[in-house]
Protein backbone atom coordinates (compact mmCIF):
# COMPACT_ATOMS: atom_id res chain seq x y z
CA MET A 1 -17.09 -20.59 -19.21
CA LYS A 2 -19.09 -19.54 -16.43
CA TRP A 3 -15.48 -18.90 -14.58
CA GLY A 4 -13.72 -17.85 -17.63
CA VAL A 5 -16.36 -15.12 -18.44
CA VAL A 6 -15.98 -13.80 -13.94
CA CYS A 7 -12.14 -14.61 -14.51
CA LEU A 8 -10.97 -12.96 -17.58
CA PRO A 9 -12.14 -9.12 -16.33
CA LEU A 10 -10.44 -9.75 -13.11
CA MET A 11 -7.58 -11.13 -14.58
CA LEU A 12 -7.52 -7.48 -16.85
CA VAL A 13 -7.94 -5.40 -13.44
CA VAL A 14 -5.39 -6.92 -11.79
CA GLY A 15 -2.60 -7.05 -13.98
CA GLY A 16 -3.06 -3.37 -15.29
CA CYS A 17 0.02 -1.38 -14.47
CA ALA A 18 -0.39 2.03 -11.92
CA SER A 19 2.00 4.50 -11.14
CA VAL A 20 2.62 6.44 -8.24
CA SER A 21 1.06 9.35 -9.15
CA GLU A 22 -2.03 7.67 -10.62
CA ILE A 23 -2.54 5.66 -7.48
CA ASN A 24 -1.92 8.96 -5.31
CA GLU A 25 -4.71 10.55 -6.95
CA THR A 26 -7.28 8.06 -5.89
CA LEU A 27 -8.76 8.57 -2.30
CA PRO A 28 -6.83 7.09 0.59
CA THR A 29 -8.31 3.76 2.29
CA MET A 30 -6.92 4.72 5.31
CA SER A 31 -6.20 8.05 6.89
CA VAL A 32 -4.57 7.46 10.60
CA ILE A 33 -1.51 8.83 13.23
CA SER A 34 0.43 6.75 14.80
CA GLY A 35 2.73 6.29 17.88
CA LYS A 36 5.86 5.08 15.65
CA LYS A 37 7.96 7.55 13.52
CA PRO A 38 8.10 7.32 10.01
CA HIS A 39 10.71 5.21 9.48
CA GLU A 40 9.83 3.29 12.25
CA TYR A 41 6.69 2.58 11.18
CA ALA A 42 7.98 2.00 6.96
CA GLN A 43 10.54 -0.39 8.47
CA CYS A 44 7.84 -2.24 10.01
CA LEU A 45 5.44 -2.63 6.98
CA ALA A 46 9.14 -3.86 5.32
CA ASP A 47 9.22 -6.35 7.92
CA LYS A 48 5.08 -7.71 7.64
CA LEU A 49 5.18 -7.58 3.57
CA ALA A 50 8.54 -9.53 2.72
CA ASN A 51 6.93 -12.37 2.64
CA SER A 52 3.98 -11.86 0.40
CA ARG A 53 5.98 -9.00 -1.76
CA GLY A 54 9.07 -8.71 -1.66
CA ALA A 55 11.02 -5.35 -1.52
CA LEU A 56 9.61 -1.82 -0.82
CA GLN A 57 10.67 0.86 -2.17
CA MET A 58 11.13 3.80 0.03
CA GLN A 59 11.66 7.78 -0.93
CA PRO A 60 12.12 10.65 1.03
CA HIS A 61 8.44 12.45 0.67
CA LYS A 62 8.36 15.96 2.77
CA ASP A 63 8.95 14.94 6.25
CA GLY A 64 8.99 11.89 6.40
CA VAL A 65 8.90 8.58 3.61
CA ARG A 66 6.82 7.30 1.21
CA VAL A 67 6.90 3.66 0.87
CA ILE A 68 5.84 2.16 -2.55
CA VAL A 69 4.43 -1.54 -2.27
CA PRO A 70 4.77 -3.77 -5.63
CA GLY A 71 1.92 -5.52 -7.05
CA LYS A 72 1.35 -9.20 -5.42
CA PHE A 73 0.05 -10.23 -9.31
CA SER A 74 1.47 -8.14 -11.69
CA THR A 75 4.11 -5.27 -12.07
CA GLY A 76 4.27 -1.92 -10.97
CA ALA A 77 3.01 -0.26 -7.61
CA ALA A 78 -0.19 -1.69 -5.80
CA ALA A 79 -0.25 0.55 -3.12
CA VAL A 80 2.04 3.82 -1.87
CA PHE A 81 2.32 5.39 1.80
CA ASP A 82 2.85 8.26 2.51
CA ILE A 83 3.90 8.22 6.53
CA ASP A 84 4.99 12.36 7.83
CA ASP A 85 6.66 13.06 10.73
CA ARG A 86 4.43 15.04 13.21
CA SER A 87 5.10 15.43 16.50
CA GLY A 88 5.42 12.36 18.52
CA GLY A 89 5.00 9.87 15.66
CA SER A 90 3.76 9.76 12.20
CA SER A 91 0.41 10.64 10.02
CA ILE A 92 -0.15 8.01 7.28
CA LYS A 93 -1.96 7.96 4.61
CA LEU A 94 -2.66 4.66 2.22
CA HIS A 95 -3.78 4.87 -1.97
CA GLU A 96 -4.21 1.66 -3.22
CA ARG A 97 -4.40 1.24 -6.93
CA MET A 98 -7.31 -1.48 -6.48
CA SER A 99 -9.24 0.29 -3.81
CA ASN A 100 -12.68 -0.19 -5.37
CA VAL A 101 -12.43 -4.05 -6.27
CA PRO A 102 -13.67 -5.54 -3.27
CA ILE A 103 -11.89 -8.94 -3.47
CA ARG A 104 -8.48 -7.02 -3.56
CA PRO A 105 -6.06 -8.47 -1.45
CA ARG A 106 -5.80 -7.59 2.15
CA ASP A 107 -1.80 -7.77 2.83
CA VAL A 108 -1.60 -4.86 2.65
CA GLN A 109 -3.90 -3.32 5.15
CA ASN A 110 -3.63 -5.84 7.56
CA ALA A 111 0.26 -4.52 7.78
CA ALA A 112 -0.85 -1.10 8.20
CA ASN A 113 -3.19 -2.17 10.57
CA ALA A 114 -0.96 -4.29 12.25
CA CYS A 115 2.40 -1.86 12.44
CA ILE A 116 -0.03 1.50 14.03
CA SER A 117 0.49 0.38 17.35
CA GLY A 118 2.84 -2.19 19.48
């Protein structure tokens, strides 16, 4: 019974759908600069998240690319990367659907950090 009380609210949070515009309204969970160009950084994300998230959606956005990461346990978007071109690399902002849930999957954040350099 105790597990049901704990798991049900968590399943409701995880199972919800969010649109890209709703996710972009949240505060960024990461805002960094990389020496990689936008498409190079986006390709790194796609490679790192291929096993845990499947195919990412990549769309032209301003002077760069927007990467939409699908949910791990639900349909819809889980995270949005806005990767803009800047001299010598790119600026990256990550918005996550469950940014205020401390036990959310960390694969997106780990991939984002791993792709900054190297």
